C-alpha atoms as a PDB file:
ATOM      1  CA  MET A   1      25.185  73.200 -40.531  1.00  0.00           C
ATOM      2  CA  THR A   2      26.908  76.430 -39.601  1.00  0.00           C
ATOM      3  CA  ARG A   3      27.109  79.369 -41.986  1.00  0.00           C
ATOM      4  CA  ASP A   4      30.745  78.579 -42.789  1.00  0.00           C
ATOM      5  CA  GLN A   5      29.910  74.903 -43.426  1.00  0.00           C
ATOM      6  CA  ILE A   6      27.067  75.853 -45.785  1.00  0.00           C
ATOM      7  CA  PHE A   7      29.378  78.139 -47.752  1.00  0.00           C
ATOM      8  CA  GLU A   8      31.993  75.383 -47.968  1.00  0.00           C
ATOM      9  CA  PHE A   9      29.310  72.854 -48.988  1.00  0.00           C
ATOM     10  CA  PHE A  10      28.366  74.876 -52.071  1.00  0.00           C
ATOM     11  CA  ARG A  11      31.926  75.978 -52.782  1.00  0.00           C
ATOM     12  CA  ARG A  12      32.956  72.327 -53.207  1.00  0.00           C
ATOM     13  CA  LEU A  13      29.948  71.476 -55.394  1.00  0.00           C
ATOM     14  CA  ALA A  14      30.721  74.533 -57.525  1.00  0.00           C
ATOM     15  CA  GLU A  15      34.361  73.541 -57.809  1.00  0.00           C
ATOM     16  CA  ALA A  16      33.383  70.078 -59.037  1.00  0.00           C
ATOM     17  CA  ASN A  17      30.806  71.445 -61.517  1.00  0.00           C
ATOM     18  CA  PRO A  18      31.298  75.149 -62.297  1.00  0.00           C
ATOM     19  CA  SER A  19      28.420  75.457 -64.790  1.00  0.00           C
ATOM     20  CA  PRO A  20      25.480  73.261 -63.736  1.00  0.00           C
ATOM     21  CA  THR A  21      22.208  73.322 -65.641  1.00  0.00           C
ATOM     22  CA  THR A  22      19.119  71.258 -66.282  1.00  0.00           C
ATOM     23  CA  GLU A  23      19.506  67.948 -68.111  1.00  0.00           C
ATOM     24  CA  LEU A  24      16.247  68.528 -69.985  1.00  0.00           C
ATOM     25  CA  ASP A  25      16.722  69.409 -73.642  1.00  0.00           C
ATOM     26  CA  TYR A  26      14.986  72.627 -74.705  1.00  0.00           C
ATOM     27  CA  ILE A  27      15.196  75.421 -77.271  1.00  0.00           C
ATOM     28  CA  ASN A  28      13.441  78.381 -75.655  1.00  0.00           C
ATOM     29  CA  PRO A  29      11.354  79.174 -72.554  1.00  0.00           C
ATOM     30  CA  TYR A  30       8.253  77.592 -74.081  1.00  0.00           C
ATOM     31  CA  THR A  31       9.924  74.278 -74.908  1.00  0.00           C
ATOM     32  CA  LEU A  32      11.510  74.281 -71.434  1.00  0.00           C
ATOM     33  CA  LEU A  33       8.058  74.757 -69.928  1.00  0.00           C
ATOM     34  CA  VAL A  34       6.705  71.836 -71.952  1.00  0.00           C
ATOM     35  CA  ALA A  35       9.655  69.631 -70.996  1.00  0.00           C
ATOM     36  CA  VAL A  36       9.320  70.398 -67.283  1.00  0.00           C
ATOM     37  CA  VAL A  37       5.575  69.645 -67.328  1.00  0.00           C
ATOM     38  CA  LEU A  38       6.295  66.335 -69.071  1.00  0.00           C
ATOM     39  CA  SER A  39       9.045  65.473 -66.555  1.00  0.00           C
ATOM     40  CA  ALA A  40       6.671  65.028 -63.608  1.00  0.00           C
ATOM     41  CA  GLN A  41       7.185  61.460 -62.292  1.00  0.00           C
ATOM     42  CA  ALA A  42       9.483  60.728 -65.239  1.00  0.00           C
ATOM     43  CA  THR A  43      13.218  60.872 -65.821  1.00  0.00           C
ATOM     44  CA  ASP A  44      14.813  63.690 -67.788  1.00  0.00           C
ATOM     45  CA  ALA A  45      16.301  61.104 -70.136  1.00  0.00           C
ATOM     46  CA  SER A  46      12.879  59.640 -70.997  1.00  0.00           C
ATOM     47  CA  VAL A  47      11.475  63.124 -71.611  1.00  0.00           C
ATOM     48  CA  ASN A  48      14.372  63.994 -73.924  1.00  0.00           C
ATOM     49  CA  VAL A  49      13.699  60.882 -75.993  1.00  0.00           C
ATOM     50  CA  ALA A  50      10.118  62.004 -76.558  1.00  0.00           C
ATOM     51  CA  THR A  51      10.739  65.723 -77.050  1.00  0.00           C
ATOM     52  CA  GLY A  52      13.753  65.345 -79.362  1.00  0.00           C
ATOM     53  CA  PRO A  53      11.673  64.706 -82.486  1.00  0.00           C
ATOM     54  CA  LEU A  54       8.834  66.922 -81.226  1.00  0.00           C
ATOM     55  CA  PHE A  55      10.912  70.071 -80.753  1.00  0.00           C
ATOM     56  CA  LYS A  56      12.279  69.850 -84.283  1.00  0.00           C
ATOM     57  CA  PHE A  57       9.025  71.302 -85.586  1.00  0.00           C
ATOM     58  CA  ILE A  58       7.190  72.574 -82.480  1.00  0.00           C
ATOM     59  CA  THR A  59       8.724  75.520 -80.616  1.00  0.00           C
ATOM     60  CA  THR A  60       5.725  77.811 -80.005  1.00  0.00           C
ATOM     61  CA  PRO A  61       2.269  77.502 -78.402  1.00  0.00           C
ATOM     62  CA  ARG A  62       0.527  78.063 -81.751  1.00  0.00           C
ATOM     63  CA  GLN A  63       2.458  75.230 -83.361  1.00  0.00           C
ATOM     64  CA  MET A  64       1.452  72.977 -80.451  1.00  0.00           C
ATOM     65  CA  ILE A  65      -2.219  73.876 -80.856  1.00  0.00           C
ATOM     66  CA  ALA A  66      -2.001  73.120 -84.570  1.00  0.00           C
ATOM     67  CA  PHE A  67      -0.341  69.785 -83.777  1.00  0.00           C
ATOM     68  CA  GLY A  68      -3.266  68.819 -81.538  1.00  0.00           C
ATOM     69  CA  GLU A  69      -3.794  66.760 -78.415  1.00  0.00           C
ATOM     70  CA  ASP A  70      -4.245  63.414 -80.197  1.00  0.00           C
ATOM     71  CA  ARG A  71      -0.948  63.584 -82.059  1.00  0.00           C
ATOM     72  CA  LEU A  72       0.831  64.937 -78.988  1.00  0.00           C
ATOM     73  CA  ARG A  73      -0.477  62.036 -76.934  1.00  0.00           C
ATOM     74  CA  GLU A  74       0.926  59.607 -79.480  1.00  0.00           C
ATOM     75  CA  ALA A  75       4.291  61.437 -79.543  1.00  0.00           C
ATOM     76  CA  ILE A  76       4.764  61.275 -75.747  1.00  0.00           C
ATOM     77  CA  LYS A  77       3.175  57.893 -75.000  1.00  0.00           C
ATOM     78  CA  SER A  78       6.527  56.549 -73.768  1.00  0.00           C
ATOM     79  CA  ILE A  79       6.287  58.925 -70.776  1.00  0.00           C
ATOM     80  CA  GLY A  80       4.186  58.120 -67.722  1.00  0.00           C
ATOM     81  CA  LEU A  81       0.818  59.883 -67.346  1.00  0.00           C
ATOM     82  CA  PHE A  82       0.964  60.879 -71.017  1.00  0.00           C
ATOM     83  CA  ASN A  83      -2.814  61.342 -71.352  1.00  0.00           C
ATOM     84  CA  THR A  84      -3.010  63.969 -68.608  1.00  0.00           C
ATOM     85  CA  LYS A  85       0.242  65.599 -69.680  1.00  0.00           C
ATOM     86  CA  ALA A  86      -0.876  65.932 -73.296  1.00  0.00           C
ATOM     87  CA  LYS A  87      -4.102  67.588 -72.166  1.00  0.00           C
ATOM     88  CA  ASN A  88      -2.198  70.001 -69.879  1.00  0.00           C
ATOM     89  CA  VAL A  89       0.364  70.944 -72.543  1.00  0.00           C
ATOM     90  CA  VAL A  90      -2.334  71.786 -75.073  1.00  0.00           C
ATOM     91  CA  ALA A  91      -4.342  73.682 -72.436  1.00  0.00           C
ATOM     92  CA  LEU A  92      -1.360  75.713 -71.227  1.00  0.00           C
ATOM     93  CA  SER A  93      -0.417  76.480 -74.823  1.00  0.00           C
ATOM     94  CA  GLN A  94      -3.886  77.901 -75.422  1.00  0.00           C
ATOM     95  CA  ALA A  95      -3.673  79.865 -72.167  1.00  0.00           C
ATOM     96  CA  LEU A  96      -0.352  81.384 -73.241  1.00  0.00           C
ATOM     97  CA  ILE A  97      -1.952  82.522 -76.503  1.00  0.00           C
ATOM     98  CA  ASP A  98      -5.081  83.894 -74.809  1.00  0.00           C
ATOM     99  CA  ARG A  99      -3.415  85.593 -71.824  1.00  0.00           C
ATOM    100  CA  HIS A 100       0.200  86.320 -72.757  1.00  0.00           C
ATOM    101  CA  GLU A 101       0.320  86.684 -76.564  1.00  0.00           C
ATOM    102  CA  GLY A 102       2.066  83.327 -76.859  1.00  0.00           C
ATOM    103  CA  GLU A 103       4.938  84.253 -74.534  1.00  0.00           C
ATOM    104  CA  VAL A 104       5.950  82.505 -71.290  1.00  0.00           C
ATOM    105  CA  PRO A 105       5.385  84.943 -68.413  1.00  0.00           C
ATOM    106  CA  ARG A 106       8.171  85.830 -65.978  1.00  0.00           C
ATOM    107  CA  VAL A 107       5.817  86.236 -63.003  1.00  0.00           C
ATOM    108  CA  ARG A 108       5.358  83.327 -60.591  1.00  0.00           C
ATOM    109  CA  ASP A 109       1.611  83.768 -60.082  1.00  0.00           C
ATOM    110  CA  GLU A 110       1.006  83.898 -63.819  1.00  0.00           C
ATOM    111  CA  LEU A 111       3.075  80.761 -64.361  1.00  0.00           C
ATOM    112  CA  GLU A 112       1.286  78.843 -61.621  1.00  0.00           C
ATOM    113  CA  ALA A 113      -2.069  79.830 -63.121  1.00  0.00           C
ATOM    114  CA  LEU A 114      -1.247  77.782 -66.236  1.00  0.00           C
ATOM    115  CA  PRO A 115      -2.662  74.220 -66.473  1.00  0.00           C
ATOM    116  CA  GLY A 116      -0.248  71.595 -65.135  1.00  0.00           C
ATOM    117  CA  VAL A 117       2.162  74.167 -63.671  1.00  0.00           C
ATOM    118  CA  GLY A 118       2.894  74.090 -59.945  1.00  0.00           C
ATOM    119  CA  ARG A 119       5.393  75.857 -57.730  1.00  0.00           C
ATOM    120  CA  LYS A 120       8.315  73.571 -58.590  1.00  0.00           C
ATOM    121  CA  THR A 121       7.771  73.980 -62.352  1.00  0.00           C
ATOM    122  CA  ALA A 122       7.495  77.741 -61.937  1.00  0.00           C
ATOM    123  CA  ASN A 123      10.759  77.774 -59.964  1.00  0.00           C
ATOM    124  CA  VAL A 124      12.542  75.828 -62.706  1.00  0.00           C
ATOM    125  CA  LEU A 125      11.302  78.240 -65.390  1.00  0.00           C
ATOM    126  CA  LEU A 126      12.156  81.358 -63.425  1.00  0.00           C
ATOM    127  CA  ASN A 127      15.636  80.051 -62.657  1.00  0.00           C
ATOM    128  CA  THR A 128      16.694  78.258 -65.828  1.00  0.00           C
ATOM    129  CA  ALA A 129      14.952  80.375 -68.460  1.00  0.00           C
ATOM    130  CA  PHE A 130      15.136  83.778 -66.771  1.00  0.00           C
ATOM    131  CA  GLY A 131      18.083  83.528 -64.356  1.00  0.00           C
ATOM    132  CA  GLU A 132      16.189  84.247 -61.145  1.00  0.00           C
ATOM    133  CA  GLU A 133      17.417  82.964 -57.780  1.00  0.00           C
ATOM    134  CA  THR A 134      14.740  80.356 -57.076  1.00  0.00           C
ATOM    135  CA  PHE A 135      14.968  76.932 -55.465  1.00  0.00           C
ATOM    136  CA  ALA A 136      13.035  74.145 -57.159  1.00  0.00           C
ATOM    137  CA  VAL A 137      12.737  71.295 -54.658  1.00  0.00           C
ATOM    138  CA  ASP A 138      12.268  67.915 -56.306  1.00  0.00           C
ATOM    139  CA  THR A 139      12.787  64.470 -54.786  1.00  0.00           C
ATOM    140  CA  HIS A 140      16.581  64.705 -55.158  1.00  0.00           C
ATOM    141  CA  VAL A 141      16.858  68.132 -53.533  1.00  0.00           C
ATOM    142  CA  PHE A 142      14.501  67.102 -50.731  1.00  0.00           C
ATOM    143  CA  ARG A 143      16.576  63.981 -49.990  1.00  0.00           C
ATOM    144  CA  VAL A 144      19.952  65.734 -50.096  1.00  0.00           C
ATOM    145  CA  CYS A 145      18.813  68.601 -47.870  1.00  0.00           C
ATOM    146  CA  ASN A 146      17.405  66.232 -45.245  1.00  0.00           C
ATOM    147  CA  ARG A 147      20.101  63.556 -45.393  1.00  0.00           C
ATOM    148  CA  THR A 148      23.049  65.941 -45.191  1.00  0.00           C
ATOM    149  CA  GLY A 149      21.464  68.302 -42.680  1.00  0.00           C
ATOM    150  CA  LEU A 150      21.837  71.236 -45.085  1.00  0.00           C
ATOM    151  CA  ALA A 151      18.181  72.302 -44.963  1.00  0.00           C
ATOM    152  CA  PRO A 152      16.038  69.663 -43.239  1.00  0.00           C
ATOM    153  CA  GLY A 153      12.284  69.929 -43.498  1.00  0.00           C
ATOM    154  CA  GLU A 154       9.157  67.776 -43.428  1.00  0.00           C
ATOM    155  CA  THR A 155       7.761  69.140 -46.695  1.00  0.00           C
ATOM    156  CA  VAL A 156       9.162  70.532 -49.934  1.00  0.00           C
ATOM    157  CA  ASP A 157       7.872  73.957 -48.915  1.00  0.00           C
ATOM    158  CA  ASP A 158       9.820  73.741 -45.638  1.00  0.00           C
ATOM    159  CA  VAL A 159      13.011  72.820 -47.491  1.00  0.00           C
ATOM    160  CA  GLU A 160      12.526  75.586 -50.070  1.00  0.00           C
ATOM    161  CA  ALA A 161      11.998  78.176 -47.329  1.00  0.00           C
ATOM    162  CA  LYS A 162      15.188  77.081 -45.566  1.00  0.00           C
ATOM    163  CA  LEU A 163      17.216  77.148 -48.768  1.00  0.00           C
ATOM    164  CA  GLU A 164      15.905  80.636 -49.482  1.00  0.00           C
ATOM    165  CA  LYS A 165      17.163  81.684 -46.060  1.00  0.00           C
ATOM    166  CA  ILE A 166      20.567  79.958 -45.856  1.00  0.00           C
ATOM    167  CA  VAL A 167      22.086  79.733 -49.357  1.00  0.00           C
ATOM    168  CA  PRO A 168      24.762  82.445 -49.675  1.00  0.00           C
ATOM    169  CA  GLN A 169      26.029  84.355 -52.656  1.00  0.00           C
ATOM    170  CA  PRO A 170      27.518  83.630 -55.147  1.00  0.00           C
ATOM    171  CA  PHE A 171      25.784  80.227 -55.140  1.00  0.00           C
ATOM    172  CA  ARG A 172      22.104  81.157 -55.067  1.00  0.00           C
ATOM    173  CA  ARG A 173      21.347  81.066 -58.807  1.00  0.00           C
ATOM    174  CA  ASP A 174      22.789  77.583 -59.404  1.00  0.00           C
ATOM    175  CA  ALA A 175      22.166  76.029 -55.963  1.00  0.00           C
ATOM    176  CA  HIS A 176      19.207  73.860 -56.915  1.00  0.00           C
ATOM    177  CA  HIS A 177      21.038  72.483 -59.973  1.00  0.00           C
ATOM    178  CA  TRP A 178      24.001  71.419 -57.816  1.00  0.00           C
ATOM    179  CA  LEU A 179      21.667  69.762 -55.320  1.00  0.00           C
ATOM    180  CA  ILE A 180      19.679  67.939 -58.031  1.00  0.00           C
ATOM    181  CA  LEU A 181      22.802  66.597 -59.734  1.00  0.00           C
ATOM    182  CA  HIS A 182      24.402  65.660 -56.415  1.00  0.00           C
ATOM    183  CA  GLY A 183      21.303  63.687 -55.462  1.00  0.00           C
ATOM    184  CA  ARG A 184      20.969  62.071 -58.868  1.00  0.00           C
ATOM    185  CA  TYR A 185      24.554  60.849 -59.245  1.00  0.00           C
ATOM    186  CA  THR A 186      26.204  60.762 -55.793  1.00  0.00           C
ATOM    187  CA  CYS A 187      23.776  61.019 -52.878  1.00  0.00           C
ATOM    188  CA  LYS A 188      21.492  58.379 -54.370  1.00  0.00           C
ATOM    189  CA  ALA A 189      18.287  57.230 -52.712  1.00  0.00           C
ATOM    190  CA  ARG A 190      19.038  53.535 -52.144  1.00  0.00           C
ATOM    191  CA  LEU A 191      22.776  53.668 -51.599  1.00  0.00           C
ATOM    192  CA  PRO A 192      24.590  57.016 -51.375  1.00  0.00           C
ATOM    193  CA  GLU A 193      28.089  56.881 -52.815  1.00  0.00           C
ATOM    194  CA  CYS A 194      29.754  58.505 -49.810  1.00  0.00           C
ATOM    195  CA  TRP A 195      33.236  57.299 -50.778  1.00  0.00           C
ATOM    196  CA  ARG A 196      33.343  59.796 -53.667  1.00  0.00           C
ATOM    197  CA  CYS A 197      31.291  62.617 -52.145  1.00  0.00           C
ATOM    198  CA  PRO A 198      33.048  66.015 -52.092  1.00  0.00           C
ATOM    199  CA  VAL A 199      31.156  67.100 -48.954  1.00  0.00           C
ATOM    200  CA  ILE A 200      31.442  63.864 -46.962  1.00  0.00           C
ATOM    201  CA  ASP A 201      32.962  65.554 -43.899  1.00  0.00           C
ATOM    202  CA  LEU A 202      30.206  68.194 -43.810  1.00  0.00           C
ATOM    203  CA  CYS A 203      27.356  65.666 -44.085  1.00  0.00           C
ATOM    204  CA  ARG A 204      25.621  64.276 -40.985  1.00  0.00           C
ATOM    205  CA  TYR A 205      24.544  61.019 -42.672  1.00  0.00           C
ATOM    206  CA  LYS A 206      25.789  57.905 -40.868  1.00  0.00           C
ATOM    207  CA  PRO A 207      27.099  55.349 -41.366  1.00  0.00           C
ATOM    208  CA  LYS A 208      29.008  56.428 -44.458  1.00  0.00           C
ATOM    209  CA  THR A 209      28.947  53.863 -47.253  1.00  0.00           C
ATOM    210  CA  SER A 210      32.245  52.293 -48.270  1.00  0.00           C
ATOM    211  CA  PRO A 211      33.509  51.664 -51.809  1.00  0.00           C
ATOM    212  CA  PRO A 212      31.988  48.538 -53.394  1.00  0.00           C
ATOM    213  CA  GLY A 213      35.202  46.516 -53.062  1.00  0.00           C
ATOM    214  CA  GLU A 214      35.507  47.258 -49.349  1.00  0.00           C
ATOM    215  CA  ARG A 215      32.023  46.344 -48.225  1.00  0.00           C
ATOM    216  CA  ILE A 216      31.865  43.405 -45.836  1.00  0.00           C
ATOM    217  CA  LYS A 217      28.920  41.098 -46.017  1.00  0.00           C
ATOM    218  CA  ALA A 218      27.151  40.457 -42.737  1.00  0.00           C
ATOM    219  CA  PRO A 219      28.064  37.004 -41.315  1.00  0.00           C
ATOM    220  CA  THR A 220      25.400  34.336 -41.463  1.00  0.00           C
ATOM    221  CA  ALA A 221      23.867  33.846 -38.034  1.00  0.00           C
ATOM    222  CA  LYS A 222      24.543  30.466 -36.405  1.00  0.00           C
ATOM    223  CA  PRO A 223      21.612  28.584 -34.913  1.00  0.00           C
ATOM    224  CA  SER A 224      21.315  28.926 -31.134  1.00  0.00           C
ATOM    225  CA  ALA A 225      22.251  26.060 -28.789  1.00  0.00           C
ATOM    226  CA  ALA A 226      18.628  25.628 -27.720  1.00  0.00           C
ATOM    227  CA  ARG A 227      17.438  25.315 -31.334  1.00  0.00           C
ATOM    228  CA  THR A 228      20.288  22.894 -32.113  1.00  0.00           C
ATOM    229  CA  SER A 229      19.382  20.761 -29.090  1.00  0.00           C
ATOM    230  CA  SER A 230      15.717  20.797 -30.039  1.00  0.00           C
ATOM    231  CA  ARG A 231      16.517  19.726 -33.607  1.00  0.00           C
ATOM    232  CA  GLY A 232      18.753  16.928 -32.288  1.00  0.00           C
ATOM    233  CA  SER A 233      16.101  15.496 -30.002  1.00  0.00           C
ATOM    234  CA  SER A 234      13.558  15.738 -32.798  1.00  0.00           C
ATOM    235  CA  LYS A 235      15.843  13.751 -35.118  1.00  0.00           C
ATOM    236  CA  ALA A 236      16.350  11.140 -32.392  1.00  0.00           C
ATOM    237  CA  ARG A 237      12.613  10.700 -31.974  1.00  0.00           C
ATOM    238  CA  THR A 238      12.210  10.364 -35.732  1.00  0.00           C
ATOM    239  CA  ALA A 239      14.933   7.687 -35.896  1.00  0.00           C
ATOM    240  CA  LYS A 240      13.246   5.569 -33.205  1.00  0.00           C
ATOM    241  CA  GLY A 241       9.949   5.736 -34.955  1.00  0.00           C
ATOM    242  CA  PRO A 242       6.542   6.293 -33.357  1.00  0.00           C
ATOM    243  CA  THR A 243       6.099   4.797 -29.874  1.00  0.00           C
ATOM    244  CA  ALA A 244       2.895   3.261 -28.535  1.00  0.00           C
ATOM    245  CA  SER A 245       2.039   3.343 -24.865  1.00  0.00           C
ATOM    246  CA  LYS A 246       2.014  -0.023 -23.130  1.00  0.00           C
ATOM    247  CA  PRO A 247      -1.215  -1.152 -21.450  1.00  0.00           C
ATOM    248  CA  ARG A 248      -1.113  -1.436 -17.677  1.00  0.00           C
ATOM    249  CA  ALA A 249      -1.390  -4.876 -16.101  1.00  0.00           C
ATOM    250  CA  GLY A 250      -4.939  -6.050 -15.649  1.00  0.00           C
ATOM    251  CA  HIS A 251      -6.337  -3.288 -17.742  1.00  0.00           C
ATOM    252  CA  ASN A 252      -8.346  -4.240 -20.801  1.00  0.00           C
ATOM    253  CA  ARG A 253      -8.246  -1.452 -23.431  1.00  0.00           C
ATOM    254  CA  SER A 254     -10.927  -3.021 -25.639  1.00  0.00           C
ATOM    255  CA  ARG A 255     -14.378  -1.491 -25.548  1.00  0.00           C
ATOM    256  CA  PRO A 256     -17.199  -3.533 -24.052  1.00  0.00           C
ATOM    257  CA  SER A 257     -19.667  -4.827 -26.625  1.00  0.00           C
ATOM    258  CA  ARG A 258     -23.045  -3.229 -26.744  1.00  0.00           C
ATOM    259  CA  ARG A 259     -25.990  -5.080 -25.328  1.00  0.00           C
ATOM    260  CA  PRO A 260     -28.548  -6.229 -27.842  1.00  0.00           C
END
């Protein structure tokens, strides 16, 4: 995309959703950190179901340590990989107490040093909790950037680097939220809903999908003439029944008897 097209791309997403944010429920930076760690390979909705009751009485690392890994595991067992996630949440809570006086750090390297926290999680925290202009690239952002041609790349790091380079002001702070939501609800993985996409004319994806009521089913292929002819001759042979070869005149087909 050209610079003008990129600006228009985000201008339209911003017009459709002026105040985008994460769909994870949280109370403070610590609970956001916990929610993001739990969201790996899980939907935000499933995480919210588990953390809703949990965050009513746990909002600090010390409260999480007092709660304990066993009870945490039971509380989040509806989420995939809950054993590993429970261990990481308790470990990162202890690390926050030991290294940062129970506070979530605002430095990328310090965030990524916590158990279970990678670059994407750090980007989400820095952006959503602290308002920094970072670009968390999840599966939705990766798909949208490659499919539309906005910021194509072979890896999430490639896509993040391109977004860092091309996204203009005033869209940088909320860019990754717009891309996530666009990928989650419009530019879907299996069937993008191009007919209601606000950036359809800027997107390089082809062919564009039509509204459900206008889709035409592919016609059923007719059998070829050769196959039809072959089936016909086969049926004819079946109707006549099996045929036995006739013996030639003067030719005795019986085996000679063995000599004693």
